[in-house]
Every structure is written in C-alpha cells, then in structure tokens.
Amino acid sequence: MSKTTHTITLKSTESKRFVKRLALYAFCSLRDTTNRASKIPGVLSVAASDVRDAWRESANQKA
C-alpha cells in the first residue's frame, strides 16, 4: 500500500488572525480524519480475508 502526500501552501496560514488560523487547522484536521476513516473498510476487509485464510490453513496442518 503506497502513501502519497501532497503539500499545499496556504497564504492564510501566514495570517496573524488567530481565530482564522485555528479554524483552518480544525478544518484541515477534520478533512484529514475523514479521508483516513474512509480507508478503514478496505483495511478491515483485507484483515478479515487474512484471518479466514489463516483459519483454513490451520485446519490443514497436523499437530
């Protein structure tokens, strides 16, 4: 699984307006969290498949 990151320079981060910077940070964090949460079902699907495969393989091994 490859991870691609993009850096976006925002002029508003240079602003001396505290509330605006805080709001921008909160919105960017929320957007990042939403993007990461959207990937969870895929990860869980792969994990469930791996557990199923391991269960089947363990039945075939002789102790």
C-alpha atoms as a PDB file:
ATOM      1  CA  MET A   1       0.000   0.000   0.000  1.00  0.00           C
ATOM      2  CA  SER A   2       1.644   3.223  -1.107  1.00  0.00           C
ATOM      3  CA  LYS A   3       1.047   6.515   0.585  1.00  0.00           C
ATOM      4  CA  THR A   4       1.062   9.744  -1.388  1.00  0.00           C
ATOM      5  CA  THR A   5       1.170  13.074   0.347  1.00  0.00           C
ATOM      6  CA  HIS A   6       0.689  16.489  -1.168  1.00  0.00           C
ATOM      7  CA  THR A   7       1.803  19.687   0.485  1.00  0.00           C
ATOM      8  CA  ILE A   8      -0.419  22.665  -0.133  1.00  0.00           C
ATOM      9  CA  THR A   9       0.837  26.107   0.789  1.00  0.00           C
ATOM     10  CA  LEU A  10      -1.956  28.314   2.047  1.00  0.00           C
ATOM     11  CA  LYS A  11      -1.472  32.059   2.292  1.00  0.00           C
ATOM     12  CA  SER A  12      -3.949  32.188   5.140  1.00  0.00           C
ATOM     13  CA  THR A  13      -1.564  30.217   7.392  1.00  0.00           C
ATOM     14  CA  GLU A  14       0.644  33.294   7.423  1.00  0.00           C
ATOM     15  CA  SER A  15      -2.207  35.369   8.736  1.00  0.00           C
ATOM     16  CA  LYS A  16      -1.863  36.929  12.167  1.00  0.00           C
ATOM     17  CA  ARG A  17      -5.561  36.350  12.781  1.00  0.00           C
ATOM     18  CA  PHE A  18      -5.644  33.673  15.470  1.00  0.00           C
ATOM     19  CA  VAL A  19      -9.258  32.556  15.018  1.00  0.00           C
ATOM     20  CA  LYS A  20      -8.816  32.150  11.266  1.00  0.00           C
ATOM     21  CA  ARG A  21      -5.650  30.064  11.715  1.00  0.00           C
ATOM     22  CA  LEU A  22      -7.352  27.941  14.365  1.00  0.00           C
ATOM     23  CA  ALA A  23     -10.397  27.362  12.137  1.00  0.00           C
ATOM     24  CA  LEU A  24      -8.179  26.470   9.177  1.00  0.00           C
ATOM     25  CA  TYR A  25      -6.258  23.982  11.308  1.00  0.00           C
ATOM     26  CA  ALA A  26      -9.506  22.440  12.615  1.00  0.00           C
ATOM     27  CA  PHE A  27     -10.990  22.100   9.119  1.00  0.00           C
ATOM     28  CA  CYS A  28      -7.810  20.572   7.686  1.00  0.00           C
ATOM     29  CA  SER A  29      -7.664  18.111  10.592  1.00  0.00           C
ATOM     30  CA  LEU A  30     -11.307  17.164  10.125  1.00  0.00           C
ATOM     31  CA  ARG A  31     -10.814  16.669   6.394  1.00  0.00           C
ATOM     32  CA  ASP A  32      -7.711  14.507   7.017  1.00  0.00           C
ATOM     33  CA  THR A  33      -9.565  12.417   9.612  1.00  0.00           C
ATOM     34  CA  THR A  34     -12.460  11.894   7.206  1.00  0.00           C
ATOM     35  CA  ASN A  35     -10.096  10.781   4.446  1.00  0.00           C
ATOM     36  CA  ARG A  36      -8.362   8.315   6.760  1.00  0.00           C
ATOM     37  CA  ALA A  37     -11.665   6.953   8.080  1.00  0.00           C
ATOM     38  CA  SER A  38     -12.855   6.255   4.539  1.00  0.00           C
ATOM     39  CA  LYS A  39      -9.975   3.771   4.151  1.00  0.00           C
ATOM     40  CA  ILE A  40     -10.919   1.690   7.216  1.00  0.00           C
ATOM     41  CA  PRO A  41     -13.481  -0.588   5.478  1.00  0.00           C
ATOM     42  CA  GLY A  42     -10.851  -1.675   2.951  1.00  0.00           C
ATOM     43  CA  VAL A  43      -8.322  -2.417   5.675  1.00  0.00           C
ATOM     44  CA  LEU A  44     -10.904  -4.383   7.673  1.00  0.00           C
ATOM     45  CA  SER A  45     -11.874  -6.358   4.582  1.00  0.00           C
ATOM     46  CA  VAL A  46      -8.259  -7.369   3.966  1.00  0.00           C
ATOM     47  CA  ALA A  47      -7.804  -8.278   7.639  1.00  0.00           C
ATOM     48  CA  ALA A  48     -10.957 -10.423   7.635  1.00  0.00           C
ATOM     49  CA  SER A  49      -9.781 -12.202   4.494  1.00  0.00           C
ATOM     50  CA  ASP A  50      -6.370 -12.877   6.072  1.00  0.00           C
ATOM     51  CA  VAL A  51      -7.976 -14.283   9.234  1.00  0.00           C
ATOM     52  CA  ARG A  52     -10.249 -16.546   7.131  1.00  0.00           C
ATOM     53  CA  ASP A  53      -7.263 -17.816   5.133  1.00  0.00           C
ATOM     54  CA  ALA A  54      -5.240 -18.445   8.281  1.00  0.00           C
ATOM     55  CA  TRP A  55      -8.194 -20.344   9.815  1.00  0.00           C
ATOM     56  CA  ARG A  56      -8.432 -22.605   6.743  1.00  0.00           C
ATOM     57  CA  GLU A  57      -4.664 -23.166   6.652  1.00  0.00           C
ATOM     58  CA  SER A  58      -4.581 -24.040  10.351  1.00  0.00           C
ATOM     59  CA  ALA A  59      -7.165 -26.802   9.753  1.00  0.00           C
ATOM     60  CA  ASN A  60      -4.863 -28.449   7.210  1.00  0.00           C
ATOM     61  CA  GLN A  61      -1.804 -28.549   9.461  1.00  0.00           C
ATOM     62  CA  LYS A  62      -1.180 -31.624  11.556  1.00  0.00           C
ATOM     63  CA  ALA A  63      -0.187 -31.070  15.179  1.00  0.00           C
END
